[in-house]
Amino acid sequence: MKAYQIGAQDNIDALVATTRPDPVAGPGEALVAPRLVGLISRDVQLLRGTYGPRQPETRIPMSEGVGEVVAIGEGVTEVAIGDRVVCGHFASWLDGAFRSDVFAHDIGITHDGWLAERIVLPAAALIRVPDALADVDVAGLASAALTAWNALVEICHVKAGDTVLCLGTGSVSLAALKIAKARGARVAITSSHDAKLETARALGADIAVNYRTSPDWAAEVIAQTEGKGADIVIETGGVDTLGQSIAATAANARIVVVGVSPGEGPAITDYLSLIIKNVTIRGIANGSRAIRRSTRRDGGGRHDDGRRPDLRIRRRTGRRPLLLRCRPIRQGDDRILTERARWRANAGASVPCPFDRARPCRRGSAGSRVSPCVLAI
């Protein structure tokens, strides 16, 4: 099979095109042919060597996507050949509370990811995709959208009237924007580009702050929320933004830390503000298969419908993912990720497709047979 591997992890250009023997599904496993692949922050951080311990140069990257089951191993009953499936990148986190050992099977990091013609995945971790949903609707749900759902719904219990602050215009932040708006919240969002802020406004953002023209963006958020601040912060920035995130909060706010970007200064510069506002800071990591499949719970833990959260994200927001570019390229094309060389998890980036099978890309319409593609939510 054709694939890409991460190489020296010293820059995006280190990505190496390669050919390997086709993998085989073992007991309890499914062999999946990727159809559409999502690019998220940690994929680029991995290539740059800034995401956790360095991985073998032969590691195949990319954390999420949608694909078709082409073979199953002994004992597999969860999926069948021909099913379209998605899979969270913590493949062993099937149910229950977070455990540190879920990092031991992390797709695209500790185990080969989606940037190949075939990927072997634990069948128990897969979720079948309904025929009514196109590839483009679901390729970014199992990681970026699930993380946003976990942060807002499962952890922070976002409700109508809350003010949610999303940092940046990357995939998690835009997914959080859509989920928060669907649940009646007001959303503030930051970016360094006015054009991206206009895109965020078109997606429903109520408040847009350019952190380059307004370096004290926390004060701007406070001002535009009538002096109150944000009830929930989706903290995707990392060390250098956490201090301002605290400053931008309302009393009793919750900050959910998703970003792991290394920083240059202390993460919290004003501990007094943290105490005075009674702010809760919590780190999260993606979500379990049960969260993806479970019905939505109200405050008392009861089920109110039978729809899956990750599929309801598409239904309730009424919007498809923000697809900026989807085009096939030939394997070995040195532009595979160079268009993201200045990438900062921004919605304005364009992303190419990994393999060209001499067929036009139809953006992953349901039931179509297309080359694997890469999308940005």
Protein backbone atom coordinates (compact mmCIF):
# COMPACT_ATOMS: atom_id res chain seq x y z
CA MET A 1 0.00 0.00 0.00
CA LYS A 2 0.96 3.64 -0.40
CA ALA A 3 1.40 5.67 2.76
CA TYR A 4 3.14 8.63 4.34
CA GLN A 5 5.36 8.43 7.41
CA ILE A 6 6.48 11.19 9.76
CA GLY A 7 10.22 11.03 9.11
CA ALA A 8 12.61 13.01 11.29
CA GLN A 9 9.88 15.05 13.09
CA ASP A 10 11.81 18.27 12.60
CA ASN A 11 9.36 20.04 10.31
CA ILE A 12 6.36 19.47 8.10
CA ASP A 13 8.69 18.86 5.15
CA ALA A 14 9.98 15.72 6.92
CA LEU A 15 6.86 13.80 5.83
CA VAL A 16 8.00 10.89 3.64
CA ALA A 17 6.06 9.02 0.96
CA THR A 18 6.54 5.26 1.14
CA THR A 19 5.18 1.90 0.05
CA ARG A 20 4.50 -0.92 2.49
CA PRO A 21 2.98 -4.39 2.41
CA ASP A 22 -0.77 -4.31 2.94
CA PRO A 23 -1.57 -4.77 6.64
CA VAL A 24 -3.73 -7.70 7.75
CA ALA A 25 -6.58 -7.59 10.23
CA GLY A 26 -5.88 -9.84 13.22
CA PRO A 27 -8.38 -11.21 15.74
CA GLY A 28 -10.73 -8.47 16.89
CA GLU A 29 -9.47 -6.05 14.24
CA ALA A 30 -10.83 -4.49 11.06
CA LEU A 31 -8.91 -3.40 7.98
CA VAL A 32 -10.21 -0.02 6.82
CA ALA A 33 -9.62 1.85 3.56
CA PRO A 34 -9.60 5.60 4.36
CA ARG A 35 -11.93 7.73 2.24
CA LEU A 36 -11.63 11.16 3.84
CA VAL A 37 -9.03 12.18 6.42
CA GLY A 38 -9.17 15.08 8.89
CA LEU A 39 -6.15 17.19 9.80
CA ILE A 40 -6.00 18.53 13.37
CA SER A 41 -3.52 20.45 15.50
CA ARG A 42 -1.65 17.54 17.01
CA ASP A 43 -0.98 16.00 13.58
CA VAL A 44 1.13 19.02 12.64
CA GLN A 45 2.69 19.24 16.10
CA LEU A 46 3.75 15.60 15.74
CA LEU A 47 5.55 16.37 12.47
CA ARG A 48 7.31 19.28 14.13
CA GLY A 49 8.38 17.19 17.12
CA THR A 50 6.42 19.27 19.65
CA TYR A 51 3.72 16.74 20.57
CA GLY A 52 4.92 14.52 23.43
CA PRO A 53 7.72 11.97 23.10
CA ARG A 54 9.22 11.51 19.66
CA GLN A 55 7.77 8.61 17.71
CA PRO A 56 9.48 6.20 15.28
CA GLU A 57 10.22 7.82 11.92
CA THR A 58 8.11 5.12 10.27
CA ARG A 59 4.93 6.15 12.07
CA ILE A 60 2.00 6.90 9.74
CA PRO A 61 0.29 10.12 10.95
CA MET A 62 -3.27 11.53 11.07
CA SER A 63 -5.68 10.99 13.93
CA GLU A 64 -9.14 10.88 12.39
CA GLY A 65 -11.06 10.10 9.25
CA VAL A 66 -13.80 8.01 7.73
CA GLY A 67 -13.20 4.82 5.81
CA GLU A 68 -14.68 1.60 4.49
CA VAL A 69 -14.16 -1.78 6.13
CA VAL A 70 -12.47 -4.05 3.56
CA ALA A 71 -11.59 -7.02 5.78
CA ILE A 72 -12.26 -8.24 9.31
CA GLY A 73 -10.34 -10.50 11.62
CA GLU A 74 -11.45 -13.52 13.59
CA GLY A 75 -14.25 -12.91 16.06
CA VAL A 76 -15.30 -9.50 14.75
CA THR A 77 -19.05 -8.88 15.04
CA GLU A 78 -19.19 -5.11 15.52
CA VAL A 79 -18.75 -4.23 11.83
CA ALA A 80 -18.98 -5.92 8.45
CA ILE A 81 -17.16 -5.59 5.15
CA GLY A 82 -18.54 -2.60 3.28
CA ASP A 83 -19.45 -0.56 6.38
CA ARG A 84 -18.31 3.05 6.52
CA VAL A 85 -16.81 3.74 9.92
CA VAL A 86 -15.20 6.36 12.13
CA CYS A 87 -12.98 5.85 15.17
CA GLY A 88 -11.83 8.05 18.03
CA HIS A 89 -8.07 8.31 18.26
CA PHE A 90 -7.98 6.78 21.77
CA ALA A 91 -8.94 3.36 20.43
CA SER A 92 -8.90 1.56 23.78
CA TRP A 93 -11.12 4.09 25.57
CA LEU A 94 -14.45 2.39 25.02
CA ASP A 95 -16.39 3.39 28.10
CA GLY A 96 -16.15 4.82 31.60
CA ALA A 97 -14.07 7.65 33.01
CA PHE A 98 -10.79 8.77 31.51
CA ARG A 99 -7.77 6.61 32.31
CA SER A 100 -4.15 7.56 31.72
CA ASP A 101 -3.50 4.30 29.92
CA VAL A 102 -5.68 5.34 26.96
CA PHE A 103 -2.60 7.15 25.65
CA ALA A 104 -1.00 3.73 25.07
CA HIS A 105 -3.16 3.23 21.95
CA ASP A 106 -3.35 6.62 20.29
CA ILE A 107 -4.07 6.49 16.57
CA GLY A 108 -1.61 8.58 14.57
CA ILE A 109 0.75 8.86 17.55
CA THR A 110 1.62 5.53 19.19
CA HIS A 111 -0.07 3.55 16.41
CA ASP A 112 -0.22 4.11 12.66
CA GLY A 113 -2.81 6.63 11.54
CA TRP A 114 -5.06 7.39 8.58
CA LEU A 115 -2.60 8.79 6.00
CA ALA A 116 -2.37 5.53 4.08
CA GLU A 117 -4.41 3.37 1.74
CA ARG A 118 -5.17 0.96 4.59
CA ILE A 119 -5.33 1.19 8.38
CA VAL A 120 -5.90 -1.58 10.95
CA LEU A 121 -8.21 -0.58 13.82
CA PRO A 122 -9.74 -2.38 16.80
CA ALA A 123 -13.23 -3.37 15.66
CA ALA A 124 -14.69 -2.62 19.10
CA ALA A 125 -13.64 1.04 18.72
CA LEU A 126 -15.43 1.58 15.40
CA ILE A 127 -18.80 3.22 14.85
CA ARG A 128 -20.78 2.64 11.68
CA VAL A 129 -21.80 5.72 9.70
CA PRO A 130 -25.40 5.93 8.39
CA ASP A 131 -25.73 6.03 4.60
CA ALA A 132 -27.54 9.36 4.83
CA LEU A 133 -24.38 11.14 5.98
CA ALA A 134 -21.63 11.98 3.50
CA ASP A 135 -17.95 11.42 4.25
CA VAL A 136 -17.41 15.15 4.60
CA ASP A 137 -20.07 15.27 7.32
CA VAL A 138 -18.35 12.73 9.56
CA ALA A 139 -14.61 12.64 8.85
CA GLY A 140 -13.92 15.30 11.48
CA LEU A 141 -16.33 14.08 14.13
CA ALA A 142 -14.38 11.36 15.92
CA SER A 143 -11.61 13.65 17.18
CA ALA A 144 -12.16 17.40 16.78
CA ALA A 145 -15.95 17.44 17.18
CA LEU A 146 -15.93 14.78 19.91
CA THR A 147 -13.39 16.81 21.89
CA ALA A 148 -15.60 19.89 21.59
CA TRP A 149 -18.69 17.89 22.58
CA ASN A 150 -16.92 16.35 25.57
CA ALA A 151 -15.70 19.76 26.73
CA LEU A 152 -18.98 21.63 26.35
CA VAL A 153 -21.68 19.05 26.97
CA GLU A 154 -20.19 16.28 29.09
CA ILE A 155 -17.84 18.38 31.24
CA CYS A 156 -19.18 21.94 31.32
CA HIS A 157 -22.89 21.21 30.76
CA VAL A 158 -23.29 24.24 28.50
CA LYS A 159 -26.77 25.75 28.53
CA ALA A 160 -28.76 28.54 26.96
CA GLY A 161 -27.54 31.93 28.14
CA ASP A 162 -23.94 30.85 28.81
CA THR A 163 -21.11 32.77 27.19
CA VAL A 164 -18.54 30.48 25.59
CA LEU A 165 -15.09 31.73 24.57
CA CYS A 166 -13.33 29.75 21.84
CA LEU A 167 -9.66 30.45 21.22
CA GLY A 168 -8.66 30.51 17.57
CA THR A 169 -10.49 29.21 14.52
CA GLY A 170 -9.20 25.66 14.44
CA SER A 171 -11.27 22.52 14.17
CA VAL A 172 -12.06 22.10 17.89
CA SER A 173 -12.94 25.77 18.32
CA LEU A 174 -15.23 25.84 15.27
CA ALA A 175 -16.93 22.63 16.37
CA ALA A 176 -17.39 24.15 19.82
CA LEU A 177 -18.85 27.28 18.24
CA LYS A 178 -21.49 25.24 16.41
CA ILE A 179 -22.36 23.08 19.42
CA ALA A 180 -22.60 26.07 21.76
CA LYS A 181 -24.85 27.98 19.38
CA ALA A 182 -27.06 24.94 18.89
CA ARG A 183 -27.58 24.84 22.67
CA GLY A 184 -28.45 28.51 22.97
CA ALA A 185 -25.15 29.94 24.20
CA ARG A 186 -23.48 33.19 23.18
CA VAL A 187 -20.07 32.62 21.58
CA ALA A 188 -16.95 34.79 21.53
CA ILE A 189 -14.03 33.74 19.35
CA THR A 190 -10.49 34.98 18.74
CA SER A 191 -8.19 35.01 15.73
CA SER A 192 -5.30 37.02 14.34
CA HIS A 193 -7.03 37.44 10.96
CA ASP A 194 -10.12 39.54 10.34
CA ALA A 195 -11.14 37.35 7.40
CA LYS A 196 -11.26 34.30 9.66
CA LEU A 197 -13.27 36.23 12.21
CA GLU A 198 -15.76 37.08 9.48
CA THR A 199 -16.01 33.38 8.68
CA ALA A 200 -16.63 32.68 12.37
CA ARG A 201 -19.34 35.33 12.43
CA ALA A 202 -20.98 33.68 9.42
CA LEU A 203 -20.98 30.44 11.41
CA GLY A 204 -22.77 32.15 14.31
CA ALA A 205 -20.12 33.80 16.50
CA ASP A 206 -21.58 36.74 18.44
CA ILE A 207 -18.28 38.34 19.45
CA ALA A 208 -15.08 38.32 17.38
CA VAL A 209 -11.76 39.60 18.73
CA ASN A 210 -8.54 40.02 16.77
CA TYR A 211 -5.81 39.27 19.26
CA ARG A 212 -3.14 40.95 17.13
CA THR A 213 -4.89 44.31 16.97
CA SER A 214 -6.16 43.80 20.53
CA PRO A 215 -3.22 42.21 22.41
CA ASP A 216 -5.17 42.46 25.67
CA TRP A 217 -7.93 40.34 24.17
CA ALA A 218 -9.19 39.26 27.59
CA ALA A 219 -10.13 42.86 28.36
CA GLU A 220 -11.89 43.08 25.01
CA VAL A 221 -13.91 39.97 25.80
CA ILE A 222 -14.86 41.43 29.18
CA ALA A 223 -15.90 44.70 27.53
CA GLN A 224 -18.01 42.98 24.86
CA THR A 225 -19.78 40.83 27.46
CA GLU A 226 -20.96 43.85 29.47
CA GLY A 227 -18.24 43.37 32.04
CA LYS A 228 -19.20 39.80 32.87
CA GLY A 229 -16.74 37.60 30.98
CA ALA A 230 -17.00 34.05 29.68
CA ASP A 231 -18.69 31.23 31.58
CA ILE A 232 -16.81 28.58 29.60
CA VAL A 233 -13.45 28.84 27.83
CA ILE A 234 -12.31 26.30 25.22
CA GLU A 235 -8.60 26.77 25.84
CA THR A 236 -6.89 25.51 22.68
CA GLY A 237 -3.89 27.82 22.85
CA GLY A 238 -1.64 26.39 25.52
CA VAL A 239 0.78 27.88 28.01
CA ASP A 240 0.93 31.38 26.55
CA THR A 241 -2.85 31.95 26.48
CA LEU A 242 -4.02 30.45 29.77
CA GLY A 243 -3.35 33.59 31.79
CA GLN A 244 -5.52 35.74 29.52
CA SER A 245 -8.16 32.99 29.43
CA ILE A 246 -8.47 33.31 33.21
CA ALA A 247 -8.64 37.09 32.90
CA ALA A 248 -11.48 36.74 30.36
CA THR A 249 -13.67 34.61 32.61
CA ALA A 250 -16.78 35.33 34.63
CA ALA A 251 -17.18 34.26 38.24
CA ASN A 252 -17.46 30.47 38.64
CA ALA A 253 -16.24 29.93 35.07
CA ARG A 254 -14.90 26.66 33.71
CA ILE A 255 -11.79 26.54 31.54
CA VAL A 256 -11.31 23.35 29.55
CA VAL A 257 -7.70 22.94 28.46
CA VAL A 258 -7.30 21.23 25.10
CA GLY A 259 -4.21 22.90 23.62
CA VAL A 260 -0.73 21.65 24.45
CA SER A 261 1.35 24.17 22.51
CA PRO A 262 4.61 24.91 24.31
CA GLY A 263 4.97 28.44 25.62
CA GLU A 264 7.62 30.94 26.59
CA GLY A 265 6.28 32.35 29.85
CA PRO A 266 4.46 31.18 32.97
CA ALA A 267 1.02 29.74 32.26
CA ILE A 268 -0.73 31.57 35.09
CA THR A 269 0.55 35.05 35.82
CA ASP A 270 -2.24 36.10 38.20
CA TYR A 271 -3.16 33.44 40.74
CA LEU A 272 -5.23 35.95 42.69
CA SER A 273 -7.63 36.30 39.74
CA LEU A 274 -8.00 32.53 39.63
CA ILE A 275 -9.11 32.50 43.27
CA ILE A 276 -11.22 35.65 43.25
CA LYS A 277 -13.26 34.38 40.31
CA ASN A 278 -13.49 30.82 41.67
CA VAL A 279 -12.41 29.47 38.28
CA THR A 280 -12.19 25.74 37.58
CA ILE A 281 -9.48 24.59 35.16
CA ARG A 282 -9.72 21.09 33.75
CA GLY A 283 -7.77 19.25 31.11
CA ILE A 284 -9.54 16.86 28.76
CA ALA A 285 -8.48 14.40 26.10
CA ASN A 286 -10.87 13.59 23.24
CA GLY A 287 -13.58 11.21 24.55
CA SER A 288 -14.64 7.59 24.81
CA ARG A 289 -16.54 5.49 22.32
CA ALA A 290 -19.44 5.52 24.78
CA ILE A 291 -19.60 9.32 24.60
CA ARG A 292 -19.73 9.09 20.82
CA ARG A 293 -22.52 6.55 20.96
CA SER A 294 -24.40 7.48 24.10
CA THR A 295 -27.63 9.37 24.03
CA ARG A 296 -27.61 12.90 25.29
CA ARG A 297 -28.23 13.17 29.03
CA ASP A 298 -29.97 15.95 30.84
CA GLY A 299 -28.84 17.21 34.23
CA GLY A 300 -30.35 14.19 35.97
CA GLY A 301 -28.55 11.69 33.75
CA ARG A 302 -31.67 10.56 31.84
CA HIS A 303 -31.72 9.90 28.13
CA ASP A 304 -33.82 12.28 26.08
CA ASP A 305 -33.40 10.80 22.62
CA GLY A 306 -31.71 7.96 20.81
CA ARG A 307 -29.34 9.87 18.60
CA ARG A 308 -25.58 9.73 18.83
CA PRO A 309 -23.84 12.93 19.97
CA ASP A 310 -21.35 13.04 17.12
CA LEU A 311 -24.07 12.58 14.51
CA ARG A 312 -26.38 15.04 16.28
CA ILE A 313 -23.65 17.67 16.01
CA ARG A 314 -24.33 17.67 12.28
CA ARG A 315 -28.12 17.51 12.71
CA ARG A 316 -28.57 20.10 15.46
CA THR A 317 -26.17 22.71 14.13
CA GLY A 318 -27.67 22.50 10.66
CA ARG A 319 -24.24 23.04 9.09
CA ARG A 320 -21.80 20.82 7.29
CA PRO A 321 -18.13 21.01 8.27
CA LEU A 322 -16.27 24.00 6.87
CA LEU A 323 -14.40 22.38 3.99
CA LEU A 324 -11.86 24.79 2.61
CA ARG A 325 -10.18 22.68 -0.02
CA CYS A 326 -10.25 19.03 -0.98
CA ARG A 327 -8.11 17.96 -3.90
CA PRO A 328 -6.19 14.82 -4.86
CA ILE A 329 -2.44 14.96 -5.29
CA ARG A 330 0.03 12.36 -6.44
CA GLN A 331 1.94 10.48 -3.82
CA GLY A 332 5.30 12.09 -3.29
CA ASP A 333 3.99 15.59 -4.02
CA ASP A 334 6.05 17.79 -1.74
CA ARG A 335 3.03 20.02 -1.22
CA ILE A 336 1.25 17.38 0.86
CA LEU A 337 1.41 19.58 3.96
CA THR A 338 3.56 22.54 2.98
CA GLU A 339 0.45 24.65 2.56
CA ARG A 340 0.10 24.21 6.32
CA ALA A 341 3.71 25.25 6.97
CA ARG A 342 2.51 28.35 8.81
CA TRP A 343 -0.39 26.41 10.29
CA ARG A 344 -1.82 27.54 13.61
CA ALA A 345 -5.04 25.48 13.66
CA ASN A 346 -6.70 28.19 11.59
CA ALA A 347 -9.74 27.66 9.45
CA GLY A 348 -8.16 29.46 6.52
CA ALA A 349 -5.60 26.76 5.79
CA SER A 350 -5.95 24.57 2.71
CA VAL A 351 -5.23 20.88 2.91
CA PRO A 352 -4.53 18.39 0.12
CA CYS A 353 -5.45 14.76 -0.41
CA PRO A 354 -2.84 12.05 0.13
CA PHE A 355 -3.31 9.84 -2.91
CA ASP A 356 -4.35 10.28 -6.52
CA ARG A 357 -6.16 7.31 -8.01
CA ALA A 358 -6.93 9.19 -11.23
CA ARG A 359 -10.50 9.82 -10.15
CA PRO A 360 -12.11 13.16 -9.38
CA CYS A 361 -12.73 14.00 -5.75
CA ARG A 362 -16.45 14.37 -5.16
CA ARG A 363 -15.94 15.54 -1.59
CA GLY A 364 -16.93 12.23 -0.15
CA SER A 365 -20.61 12.05 -1.04
CA ALA A 366 -22.42 9.17 0.65
CA GLY A 367 -21.91 5.93 -1.21
CA SER A 368 -19.27 7.34 -3.56
CA ARG A 369 -15.90 5.73 -4.21
CA VAL A 370 -13.26 8.42 -4.02
CA SER A 371 -9.61 8.79 -3.17
CA PRO A 372 -8.75 9.43 0.46
CA CYS A 373 -8.89 13.17 1.05
CA VAL A 374 -7.89 15.54 3.79
CA LEU A 375 -10.31 18.13 5.11
CA ALA A 376 -10.33 20.98 7.58
CA ILE A 377 -13.44 21.48 9.68
